[in-house]
PDB file of N, CA and C in Angstrom:
ATOM      1  N   UNK A   1     143.874 -81.226 137.500  1.00  0.00           N
ATOM      2  CA  UNK A   1     144.121 -79.824 137.791  1.00  0.00           C
ATOM      3  C   UNK A   1     145.621 -79.564 137.608  1.00  0.00           C
ATOM      4  N   UNK A   2     145.939 -78.655 136.714  1.00  0.00           N
ATOM      5  CA  UNK A   2     147.330 -78.322 136.417  1.00  0.00           C
ATOM      6  C   UNK A   2     147.754 -77.138 137.285  1.00  0.00           C
ATOM      7  N   UNK A   3     148.536 -77.411 138.304  1.00  0.00           N
ATOM      8  CA  UNK A   3     148.946 -76.348 139.237  1.00  0.00           C
ATOM      9  C   UNK A   3     150.111 -75.513 138.695  1.00  0.00           C
ATOM     10  N   UNK A   4     150.646 -75.883 137.530  1.00  0.00           N
ATOM     11  CA  UNK A   4     151.718 -75.073 136.950  1.00  0.00           C
ATOM     12  C   UNK A   4     151.156 -73.866 136.200  1.00  0.00           C
ATOM     13  N   UNK A   5     149.850 -73.890 135.922  1.00  0.00           N
ATOM     14  CA  UNK A   5     149.188 -72.767 135.259  1.00  0.00           C
ATOM     15  C   UNK A   5     148.300 -72.056 136.273  1.00  0.00           C
ATOM     16  N   UNK A   6     148.364 -70.727 136.305  1.00  0.00           N
ATOM     17  CA  UNK A   6     147.577 -70.004 137.316  1.00  0.00           C
ATOM     18  C   UNK A   6     146.075 -70.152 137.091  1.00  0.00           C
ATOM     19  N   UNK A   7     145.373 -70.242 138.165  1.00  0.00           N
ATOM     20  CA  UNK A   7     143.913 -70.262 138.172  1.00  0.00           C
ATOM     21  C   UNK A   7     143.461 -68.937 138.776  1.00  0.00           C
ATOM     22  N   UNK A   8     142.494 -68.285 138.164  1.00  0.00           N
ATOM     23  CA  UNK A   8     142.032 -66.996 138.682  1.00  0.00           C
ATOM     24  C   UNK A   8     141.506 -67.140 140.107  1.00  0.00           C
ATOM     25  N   UNK A   9     140.843 -68.241 140.393  1.00  0.00           N
ATOM     26  CA  UNK A   9     140.327 -68.450 141.755  1.00  0.00           C
ATOM     27  C   UNK A   9     141.475 -68.542 142.752  1.00  0.00           C
ATOM     28  N   UNK A  10     142.545 -69.221 142.372  1.00  0.00           N
ATOM     29  CA  UNK A  10     143.686 -69.346 143.285  1.00  0.00           C
ATOM     30  C   UNK A  10     144.464 -68.034 143.371  1.00  0.00           C
ATOM     31  N   UNK A  11     144.490 -67.244 142.285  1.00  0.00           N
ATOM     32  CA  UNK A  11     145.132 -65.926 142.338  1.00  0.00           C
ATOM     33  C   UNK A  11     144.380 -65.043 143.332  1.00  0.00           C
ATOM     34  N   UNK A  12     143.055 -65.033 143.238  1.00  0.00           N
ATOM     35  CA  UNK A  12     142.268 -64.241 144.188  1.00  0.00           C
ATOM     36  C   UNK A  12     142.498 -64.745 145.606  1.00  0.00           C
ATOM     37  N   UNK A  13     142.593 -66.047 145.766  1.00  0.00           N
ATOM     38  CA  UNK A  13     142.876 -66.628 147.077  1.00  0.00           C
ATOM     39  C   UNK A  13     144.212 -66.101 147.608  1.00  0.00           C
ATOM     40  N   UNK A  14     145.176 -65.953 146.726  1.00  0.00           N
ATOM     41  CA  UNK A  14     146.470 -65.389 147.131  1.00  0.00           C
ATOM     42  C   UNK A  14     146.310 -63.937 147.582  1.00  0.00           C
ATOM     43  N   UNK A  15     145.450 -63.196 146.900  1.00  0.00           N
ATOM     44  CA  UNK A  15     145.222 -61.796 147.256  1.00  0.00           C
ATOM     45  C   UNK A  15     144.628 -61.658 148.651  1.00  0.00           C
ATOM     46  N   UNK A  16     143.788 -62.606 149.052  1.00  0.00           N
ATOM     47  CA  UNK A  16     143.147 -62.483 150.365  1.00  0.00           C
ATOM     48  C   UNK A  16     143.827 -63.365 151.412  1.00  0.00           C
ATOM     49  N   UNK A  17     145.073 -63.752 151.121  1.00  0.00           N
ATOM     50  CA  UNK A  17     145.895 -64.536 152.058  1.00  0.00           C
ATOM     51  C   UNK A  17     145.297 -65.903 152.367  1.00  0.00           C
ATOM     52  N   UNK A  18     144.690 -66.503 151.345  1.00  0.00           N
ATOM     53  CA  UNK A  18     144.147 -67.854 151.506  1.00  0.00           C
ATOM     54  C   UNK A  18     145.237 -68.901 151.465  1.00  0.00           C
ATOM     55  N   UNK A  19     144.851 -70.134 151.597  1.00  0.00           N
ATOM     56  CA  UNK A  19     145.823 -71.232 151.674  1.00  0.00           C
ATOM     57  C   UNK A  19     145.926 -72.025 150.375  1.00  0.00           C
ATOM     58  N   UNK A  20     145.026 -71.793 149.423  1.00  0.00           N
ATOM     59  CA  UNK A  20     144.960 -72.615 148.215  1.00  0.00           C
ATOM     60  C   UNK A  20     145.622 -71.947 147.021  1.00  0.00           C
ATOM     61  N   UNK A  21     146.929 -71.815 147.084  1.00  0.00           N
ATOM     62  CA  UNK A  21     147.658 -71.206 145.975  1.00  0.00           C
ATOM     63  C   UNK A  21     148.975 -71.949 145.773  1.00  0.00           C
ATOM     64  N   UNK A  22     149.489 -71.831 144.570  1.00  0.00           N
ATOM     65  CA  UNK A  22     150.746 -72.479 144.216  1.00  0.00           C
ATOM     66  C   UNK A  22     151.690 -71.430 143.643  1.00  0.00           C
ATOM     67  N   UNK A  23     152.863 -71.850 143.221  1.00  0.00           N
ATOM     68  CA  UNK A  23     153.858 -70.901 142.728  1.00  0.00           C
ATOM     69  C   UNK A  23     153.338 -70.100 141.535  1.00  0.00           C
ATOM     70  N   UNK A  24     152.552 -70.714 140.667  1.00  0.00           N
ATOM     71  CA  UNK A  24     152.014 -69.993 139.504  1.00  0.00           C
ATOM     72  C   UNK A  24     151.172 -68.800 139.948  1.00  0.00           C
ATOM     73  N   UNK A  25     150.378 -68.983 140.994  1.00  0.00           N
ATOM     74  CA  UNK A  25     149.546 -67.890 141.497  1.00  0.00           C
ATOM     75  C   UNK A  25     150.385 -66.839 142.225  1.00  0.00           C
ATOM     76  N   UNK A  26     151.389 -67.284 142.967  1.00  0.00           N
ATOM     77  CA  UNK A  26     152.274 -66.333 143.646  1.00  0.00           C
ATOM     78  C   UNK A  26     152.998 -65.449 142.632  1.00  0.00           C
ATOM     79  N   UNK A  27     153.370 -66.051 141.501  1.00  0.00           N
ATOM     80  CA  UNK A  27     154.053 -65.305 140.450  1.00  0.00           C
ATOM     81  C   UNK A  27     153.127 -64.231 139.864  1.00  0.00           C
ATOM     82  N   UNK A  28     151.877 -64.583 139.608  1.00  0.00           N
ATOM     83  CA  UNK A  28     150.908 -63.604 139.106  1.00  0.00           C
ATOM     84  C   UNK A  28     150.740 -62.481 140.129  1.00  0.00           C
ATOM     85  N   UNK A  29     150.596 -62.856 141.392  1.00  0.00           N
ATOM     86  CA  UNK A  29     150.425 -61.857 142.450  1.00  0.00           C
ATOM     87  C   UNK A  29     151.619 -60.906 142.505  1.00  0.00           C
ATOM     88  N   UNK A  30     152.829 -61.442 142.432  1.00  0.00           N
ATOM     89  CA  UNK A  30     154.020 -60.572 142.444  1.00  0.00           C
ATOM     90  C   UNK A  30     154.018 -59.624 141.251  1.00  0.00           C
ATOM     91  N   UNK A  31     153.609 -60.131 140.079  1.00  0.00           N
ATOM     92  CA  UNK A  31     153.549 -59.290 138.886  1.00  0.00           C
ATOM     93  C   UNK A  31     152.537 -58.165 139.023  1.00  0.00           C
ATOM     94  N   UNK A  32     151.384 -58.488 139.570  1.00  0.00           N
ATOM     95  CA  UNK A  32     150.355 -57.470 139.784  1.00  0.00           C
ATOM     96  C   UNK A  32     150.847 -56.433 140.792  1.00  0.00           C
ATOM     97  N   UNK A  33     151.500 -56.895 141.846  1.00  0.00           N
ATOM     98  CA  UNK A  33     151.982 -55.969 142.874  1.00  0.00           C
ATOM     99  C   UNK A  33     153.047 -55.012 142.337  1.00  0.00           C
ATOM    100  N   UNK A  34     153.780 -55.416 141.289  1.00  0.00           N
ATOM    101  CA  UNK A  34     154.764 -54.507 140.696  1.00  0.00           C
ATOM    102  C   UNK A  34     154.074 -53.302 140.068  1.00  0.00           C
ATOM    103  N   UNK A  35     152.896 -53.532 139.468  1.00  0.00           N
ATOM    104  CA  UNK A  35     152.179 -52.430 138.819  1.00  0.00           C
ATOM    105  C   UNK A  35     151.214 -51.752 139.787  1.00  0.00           C
ATOM    106  N   UNK A  36     150.678 -52.531 140.705  1.00  0.00           N
ATOM    107  CA  UNK A  36     149.684 -52.008 141.662  1.00  0.00           C
ATOM    108  C   UNK A  36     150.049 -52.492 143.063  1.00  0.00           C
ATOM    109  N   UNK A  37     150.934 -51.770 143.733  1.00  0.00           N
ATOM    110  CA  UNK A  37     151.425 -52.217 145.041  1.00  0.00           C
ATOM    111  C   UNK A  37     150.333 -52.439 146.096  1.00  0.00           C
ATOM    112  N   UNK A  38     149.191 -51.774 145.943  1.00  0.00           N
ATOM    113  CA  UNK A  38     148.102 -51.915 146.917  1.00  0.00           C
ATOM    114  C   UNK A  38     147.121 -53.026 146.555  1.00  0.00           C
ATOM    115  N   UNK A  39     147.451 -53.853 145.578  1.00  0.00           N
ATOM    116  CA  UNK A  39     146.513 -54.855 145.074  1.00  0.00           C
ATOM    117  C   UNK A  39     146.031 -55.816 146.159  1.00  0.00           C
ATOM    118  N   UNK A  40     146.911 -56.253 147.027  1.00  0.00           N
ATOM    119  CA  UNK A  40     146.506 -57.181 148.089  1.00  0.00           C
ATOM    120  C   UNK A  40     145.526 -56.489 149.035  1.00  0.00           C
ATOM    121  N   UNK A  41     145.817 -55.264 149.383  1.00  0.00           N
ATOM    122  CA  UNK A  41     144.920 -54.505 150.258  1.00  0.00           C
ATOM    123  C   UNK A  41     143.549 -54.348 149.592  1.00  0.00           C
ATOM    124  N   UNK A  42     143.526 -54.060 148.310  1.00  0.00           N
ATOM    125  CA  UNK A  42     142.267 -53.906 147.587  1.00  0.00           C
ATOM    126  C   UNK A  42     141.504 -55.232 147.555  1.00  0.00           C
ATOM    127  N   UNK A  43     142.198 -56.330 147.316  1.00  0.00           N
ATOM    128  CA  UNK A  43     141.551 -57.648 147.324  1.00  0.00           C
ATOM    129  C   UNK A  43     140.892 -57.950 148.660  1.00  0.00           C
ATOM    130  N   UNK A  44     141.579 -57.639 149.718  1.00  0.00           N
ATOM    131  CA  UNK A  44     141.020 -57.877 151.063  1.00  0.00           C
ATOM    132  C   UNK A  44     139.851 -56.940 151.348  1.00  0.00           C
ATOM    133  N   UNK A  45     139.946 -55.706 150.860  1.00  0.00           N
ATOM    134  CA  UNK A  45     138.833 -54.766 151.037  1.00  0.00           C
ATOM    135  C   UNK A  45     137.593 -55.237 150.275  1.00  0.00           C
ATOM    136  N   UNK A  46     137.803 -55.812 149.106  1.00  0.00           N
ATOM    137  CA  UNK A  46     136.674 -56.346 148.335  1.00  0.00           C
ATOM    138  C   UNK A  46     136.001 -57.486 149.092  1.00  0.00           C
ATOM    139  N   UNK A  47     136.794 -58.362 149.673  1.00  0.00           N
ATOM    140  CA  UNK A  47     136.231 -59.471 150.452  1.00  0.00           C
ATOM    141  C   UNK A  47     135.476 -58.945 151.676  1.00  0.00           C
ATOM    142  N   UNK A  48     136.051 -57.974 152.355  1.00  0.00           N
ATOM    143  CA  UNK A  48     135.380 -57.363 153.511  1.00  0.00           C
ATOM    144  C   UNK A  48     134.064 -56.721 153.100  1.00  0.00           C
ATOM    145  N   UNK A  49     134.052 -56.067 151.938  1.00  0.00           N
ATOM    146  CA  UNK A  49     132.839 -55.436 151.439  1.00  0.00           C
ATOM    147  C   UNK A  49     131.754 -56.488 151.199  1.00  0.00           C
ATOM    148  N   UNK A  50     132.120 -57.595 150.557  1.00  0.00           N
ATOM    149  CA  UNK A  50     131.157 -58.680 150.323  1.00  0.00           C
ATOM    150  C   UNK A  50     130.517 -59.127 151.634  1.00  0.00           C
ATOM    151  N   UNK A  51     131.325 -59.332 152.644  1.00  0.00           N
ATOM    152  CA  UNK A  51     130.808 -59.817 153.923  1.00  0.00           C
ATOM    153  C   UNK A  51     129.921 -58.775 154.607  1.00  0.00           C
ATOM    154  N   UNK A  52     130.248 -57.500 154.465  1.00  0.00           N
ATOM    155  CA  UNK A  52     129.385 -56.453 155.029  1.00  0.00           C
ATOM    156  C   UNK A  52     128.032 -56.417 154.309  1.00  0.00           C
ATOM    157  N   UNK A  53     128.059 -56.553 152.991  1.00  0.00           N
ATOM    158  CA  UNK A  53     126.823 -56.542 152.210  1.00  0.00           C
ATOM    159  C   UNK A  53     125.946 -57.730 152.590  1.00  0.00           C
ATOM    160  N   UNK A  54     126.541 -58.910 152.682  1.00  0.00           N
ATOM    161  CA  UNK A  54     125.773 -60.100 153.069  1.00  0.00           C
ATOM    162  C   UNK A  54     125.173 -59.899 154.462  1.00  0.00           C
ATOM    163  N   UNK A  55     125.957 -59.375 155.384  1.00  0.00           N
ATOM    164  CA  UNK A  55     125.462 -59.113 156.740  1.00  0.00           C
ATOM    165  C   UNK A  55     124.245 -58.186 156.699  1.00  0.00           C
ATOM    166  N   UNK A  56     124.354 -57.097 155.945  1.00  0.00           N
ATOM    167  CA  UNK A  56     123.263 -56.131 155.896  1.00  0.00           C
ATOM    168  C   UNK A  56     122.037 -56.691 155.173  1.00  0.00           C
ATOM    169  N   UNK A  57     122.250 -57.438 154.112  1.00  0.00           N
ATOM    170  CA  UNK A  57     121.120 -58.026 153.391  1.00  0.00           C
ATOM    171  C   UNK A  57     120.409 -59.069 154.238  1.00  0.00           C
ATOM    172  N   UNK A  58     121.170 -59.901 154.928  1.00  0.00           N
ATOM    173  CA  UNK A  58     120.567 -60.939 155.766  1.00  0.00           C
ATOM    174  C   UNK A  58     119.899 -60.330 156.994  1.00  0.00           C
ATOM    175  N   UNK A  59     120.441 -59.241 157.476  1.00  0.00           N
ATOM    176  CA  UNK A  59     119.908 -58.612 158.687  1.00  0.00           C
ATOM    177  C   UNK A  59     118.853 -57.582 158.373  1.00  0.00           C
ATOM    178  N   UNK A  60     119.287 -56.377 158.049  1.00  0.00           N
ATOM    179  CA  UNK A  60     118.379 -55.243 157.853  1.00  0.00           C
ATOM    180  C   UNK A  60     117.357 -55.478 156.742  1.00  0.00           C
ATOM    181  N   UNK A  61     117.790 -56.068 155.637  1.00  0.00           N
ATOM    182  CA  UNK A  61     116.890 -56.250 154.494  1.00  0.00           C
ATOM    183  C   UNK A  61     116.069 -57.531 154.590  1.00  0.00           C
ATOM    184  N   UNK A  62     116.449 -58.446 155.467  1.00  0.00           N
ATOM    185  CA  UNK A  62     115.696 -59.680 155.644  1.00  0.00           C
ATOM    186  C   UNK A  62     115.813 -60.680 154.503  1.00  0.00           C
ATOM    187  N   UNK A  63     116.836 -60.542 153.695  1.00  0.00           N
ATOM    188  CA  UNK A  63     117.038 -61.475 152.578  1.00  0.00           C
ATOM    189  C   UNK A  63     117.474 -62.824 153.143  1.00  0.00           C
ATOM    190  N   UNK A  64     116.872 -63.909 152.634  1.00  0.00           N
ATOM    191  CA  UNK A  64     117.252 -65.233 153.147  1.00  0.00           C
ATOM    192  C   UNK A  64     117.684 -66.189 152.044  1.00  0.00           C
ATOM    193  N   UNK A  65     117.810 -65.681 150.811  1.00  0.00           N
ATOM    194  CA  UNK A  65     118.315 -66.496 149.708  1.00  0.00           C
ATOM    195  C   UNK A  65     119.381 -65.702 148.971  1.00  0.00           C
ATOM    196  N   UNK A  66     120.528 -66.318 148.758  1.00  0.00           N
ATOM    197  CA  UNK A  66     121.663 -65.662 148.120  1.00  0.00           C
ATOM    198  C   UNK A  66     122.183 -66.521 146.982  1.00  0.00           C
ATOM    199  N   UNK A  67     122.649 -65.869 145.921  1.00  0.00           N
ATOM    200  CA  UNK A  67     123.297 -66.530 144.806  1.00  0.00           C
ATOM    201  C   UNK A  67     124.696 -65.934 144.706  1.00  0.00           C
ATOM    202  N   UNK A  68     125.700 -66.745 144.958  1.00  0.00           N
ATOM    203  CA  UNK A  68     127.091 -66.291 144.949  1.00  0.00           C
ATOM    204  C   UNK A  68     127.715 -66.710 143.622  1.00  0.00           C
ATOM    205  N   UNK A  69     127.762 -65.775 142.675  1.00  0.00           N
ATOM    206  CA  UNK A  69     128.309 -66.051 141.345  1.00  0.00           C
ATOM    207  C   UNK A  69     129.807 -65.791 141.331  1.00  0.00           C
ATOM    208  N   UNK A  70     130.564 -66.737 140.801  1.00  0.00           N
ATOM    209  CA  UNK A  70     132.014 -66.604 140.831  1.00  0.00           C
ATOM    210  C   UNK A  70     132.513 -66.680 142.253  1.00  0.00           C
ATOM    211  N   UNK A  71     132.015 -67.658 142.963  1.00  0.00           N
ATOM    212  CA  UNK A  71     132.204 -67.746 144.416  1.00  0.00           C
ATOM    213  C   UNK A  71     133.653 -67.918 144.850  1.00  0.00           C
ATOM    214  N   UNK A  72     134.472 -68.493 144.005  1.00  0.00           N
ATOM    215  CA  UNK A  72     135.873 -68.691 144.377  1.00  0.00           C
ATOM    216  C   UNK A  72     136.059 -69.810 145.380  1.00  0.00           C
ATOM    217  N   UNK A  73     137.269 -69.940 145.831  1.00  0.00           N
ATOM    218  CA  UNK A  73     137.613 -70.997 146.787  1.00  0.00           C
ATOM    219  C   UNK A  73     137.097 -70.664 148.185  1.00  0.00           C
ATOM    220  N   UNK A  74     136.846 -71.694 148.977  1.00  0.00           N
ATOM    221  CA  UNK A  74     136.431 -71.425 150.363  1.00  0.00           C
ATOM    222  C   UNK A  74     137.478 -70.567 151.072  1.00  0.00           C
ATOM    223  N   UNK A  75     136.996 -69.648 151.891  1.00  0.00           N
ATOM    224  CA  UNK A  75     137.919 -68.772 152.627  1.00  0.00           C
ATOM    225  C   UNK A  75     137.582 -68.834 154.111  1.00  0.00           C
ATOM    226  N   UNK A  76     138.178 -67.952 154.873  1.00  0.00           N
ATOM    227  CA  UNK A  76     137.983 -67.965 156.328  1.00  0.00           C
ATOM    228  C   UNK A  76     136.512 -67.829 156.692  1.00  0.00           C
ATOM    229  N   UNK A  77     135.816 -66.919 156.037  1.00  0.00           N
ATOM    230  CA  UNK A  77     134.378 -66.755 156.242  1.00  0.00           C
ATOM    231  C   UNK A  77     133.738 -66.745 154.864  1.00  0.00           C
ATOM    232  N   UNK A  78     132.819 -67.670 154.637  1.00  0.00           N
ATOM    233  CA  UNK A  78     132.145 -67.777 153.359  1.00  0.00           C
ATOM    234  C   UNK A  78     130.762 -67.128 153.432  1.00  0.00           C
ATOM    235  N   UNK A  79     130.162 -66.924 152.275  1.00  0.00           N
ATOM    236  CA  UNK A  79     128.875 -66.238 152.192  1.00  0.00           C
ATOM    237  C   UNK A  79     127.823 -66.895 153.075  1.00  0.00           C
ATOM    238  N   UNK A  80     127.716 -68.210 153.011  1.00  0.00           N
ATOM    239  CA  UNK A  80     126.669 -68.872 153.809  1.00  0.00           C
ATOM    240  C   UNK A  80     126.924 -68.723 155.305  1.00  0.00           C
ATOM    241  N   UNK A  81     128.184 -68.722 155.703  1.00  0.00           N
ATOM    242  CA  UNK A  81     128.494 -68.577 157.127  1.00  0.00           C
ATOM    243  C   UNK A  81     128.094 -67.193 157.626  1.00  0.00           C
ATOM    244  N   UNK A  82     128.423 -66.172 156.834  1.00  0.00           N
ATOM    245  CA  UNK A  82     128.080 -64.805 157.232  1.00  0.00           C
ATOM    246  C   UNK A  82     126.566 -64.627 157.281  1.00  0.00           C
ATOM    247  N   UNK A  83     125.868 -65.102 156.253  1.00  0.00           N
ATOM    248  CA  UNK A  83     124.410 -64.957 156.217  1.00  0.00           C
ATOM    249  C   UNK A  83     123.742 -65.731 157.347  1.00  0.00           C
ATOM    250  N   UNK A  84     124.226 -66.943 157.615  1.00  0.00           N
ATOM    251  CA  UNK A  84     123.584 -67.785 158.634  1.00  0.00           C
ATOM    252  C   UNK A  84     123.907 -67.350 160.059  1.00  0.00           C
ATOM    253  N   UNK A  85     124.922 -66.544 160.243  1.00  0.00           N
ATOM    254  CA  UNK A  85     125.161 -65.963 161.574  1.00  0.00           C
ATOM    255  C   UNK A  85     124.040 -64.988 161.923  1.00  0.00           C
ATOM    256  N   UNK A  86     123.499 -64.333 160.896  1.00  0.00           N
ATOM    257  CA  UNK A  86     122.415 -63.372 161.078  1.00  0.00           C
ATOM    258  C   UNK A  86     121.062 -64.094 161.048  1.00  0.00           C
ATOM    259  N   UNK A  87     120.903 -64.965 160.071  1.00  0.00           N
ATOM    260  CA  UNK A  87     119.651 -65.703 159.893  1.00  0.00           C
ATOM    261  C   UNK A  87     119.986 -67.169 159.633  1.00  0.00           C
ATOM    262  N   UNK A  88     119.861 -68.031 160.630  1.00  0.00           N
ATOM    263  CA  UNK A  88     120.205 -69.443 160.463  1.00  0.00           C
ATOM    264  C   UNK A  88     119.442 -70.150 159.340  1.00  0.00           C
ATOM    265  N   UNK A  89     118.318 -69.574 158.908  1.00  0.00           N
ATOM    266  CA  UNK A  89     117.530 -70.166 157.827  1.00  0.00           C
ATOM    267  C   UNK A  89     117.997 -69.720 156.438  1.00  0.00           C
ATOM    268  N   UNK A  90     118.957 -68.817 156.366  1.00  0.00           N
ATOM    269  CA  UNK A  90     119.432 -68.303 155.073  1.00  0.00           C
ATOM    270  C   UNK A  90     120.066 -69.433 154.262  1.00  0.00           C
ATOM    271  N   UNK A  91     119.859 -69.369 152.960  1.00  0.00           N
ATOM    272  CA  UNK A  91     120.403 -70.364 152.044  1.00  0.00           C
ATOM    273  C   UNK A  91     121.248 -69.655 150.990  1.00  0.00           C
ATOM    274  N   UNK A  92     122.320 -70.333 150.573  1.00  0.00           N
ATOM    275  CA  UNK A  92     123.218 -69.781 149.559  1.00  0.00           C
ATOM    276  C   UNK A  92     123.471 -70.835 148.499  1.00  0.00           C
ATOM    277  N   UNK A  93     123.371 -70.433 147.241  1.00  0.00           N
ATOM    278  CA  UNK A  93     123.761 -71.287 146.123  1.00  0.00           C
ATOM    279  C   UNK A  93     125.048 -70.686 145.573  1.00  0.00           C
ATOM    280  N   UNK A  94     126.069 -71.521 145.476  1.00  0.00           N
ATOM    281  CA  UNK A  94     127.359 -71.082 144.948  1.00  0.00           C
ATOM    282  C   UNK A  94     127.489 -71.514 143.489  1.00  0.00           C
ATOM    283  N   UNK A  95     128.096 -70.653 142.672  1.00  0.00           N
ATOM    284  CA  UNK A  95     128.331 -70.995 141.272  1.00  0.00           C
ATOM    285  C   UNK A  95     129.705 -70.507 140.869  1.00  0.00           C
ATOM    286  N   UNK A  96     130.466 -71.393 140.246  1.00  0.00           N
ATOM    287  CA  UNK A  96     131.773 -71.024 139.691  1.00  0.00           C
ATOM    288  C   UNK A  96     132.138 -72.062 138.641  1.00  0.00           C
ATOM    289  N   UNK A  97     132.886 -71.647 137.621  1.00  0.00           N
ATOM    290  CA  UNK A  97     133.287 -72.597 136.585  1.00  0.00           C
ATOM    291  C   UNK A  97     134.772 -72.951 136.664  1.00  0.00           C
ATOM    292  N   UNK A  98     135.497 -72.328 137.567  1.00  0.00           N
ATOM    293  CA  UNK A  98     136.926 -72.627 137.714  1.00  0.00           C
ATOM    294  C   UNK A  98     137.090 -74.054 138.231  1.00  0.00           C
ATOM    295  N   UNK A  99     137.889 -74.881 137.562  1.00  0.00           N
ATOM    296  CA  UNK A  99     138.056 -76.281 137.981  1.00  0.00           C
ATOM    297  C   UNK A  99     138.545 -76.430 139.428  1.00  0.00           C
ATOM    298  N   UNK A 100     139.375 -75.499 139.893  1.00  0.00           N
ATOM    299  CA  UNK A 100     139.848 -75.556 141.284  1.00  0.00           C
ATOM    300  C   UNK A 100     138.692 -75.411 142.256  1.00  0.00           C
ATOM    301  N   UNK A 101     137.795 -74.494 141.937  1.00  0.00           N
ATOM    302  CA  UNK A 101     136.638 -74.242 142.798  1.00  0.00           C
ATOM    303  C   UNK A 101     135.691 -75.424 142.764  1.00  0.00           C
ATOM    304  N   UNK A 102     135.441 -75.936 141.578  1.00  0.00           N
ATOM    305  CA  UNK A 102     134.536 -77.082 141.427  1.00  0.00           C
ATOM    306  C   UNK A 102     135.074 -78.275 142.217  1.00  0.00           C
ATOM    307  N   UNK A 103     136.384 -78.494 142.182  1.00  0.00           N
ATOM    308  CA  UNK A 103     136.983 -79.608 142.911  1.00  0.00           C
ATOM    309  C   UNK A 103     136.784 -79.443 144.421  1.00  0.00           C
ATOM    310  N   UNK A 104     136.888 -78.212 144.916  1.00  0.00           N
ATOM    311  CA  UNK A 104     136.678 -77.965 146.345  1.00  0.00           C
ATOM    312  C   UNK A 104     135.210 -78.075 146.742  1.00  0.00           C
ATOM    313  N   UNK A 105     134.330 -77.711 145.784  1.00  0.00           N
ATOM    314  CA  UNK A 105     132.895 -77.692 146.076  1.00  0.00           C
ATOM    315  C   UNK A 105     132.352 -79.076 146.271  1.00  0.00           C
TER     316      UNK A 105
END
């Protein structure tokens, strides 16, 4: 894993204040923030939206199987954790092709 080159998964991790980022990702984040100052806020809102959707699907809709495509790096609350808080029998399959994510998986 070459940490001198930015990984999209680690850039997104930087947007949501994750711990798995390096200087290459911080540099991308700073560049994005120059053009879109609210980018970090938007990234966090997207993550919050995902967790609300999973909560509602696992709860109100009774969904117990999830496919998380482009799952990214583990974060504070992951899809399976959110779903299993509502339905302990819920199952999640994660898929990502980013080498950083695969290494963590």
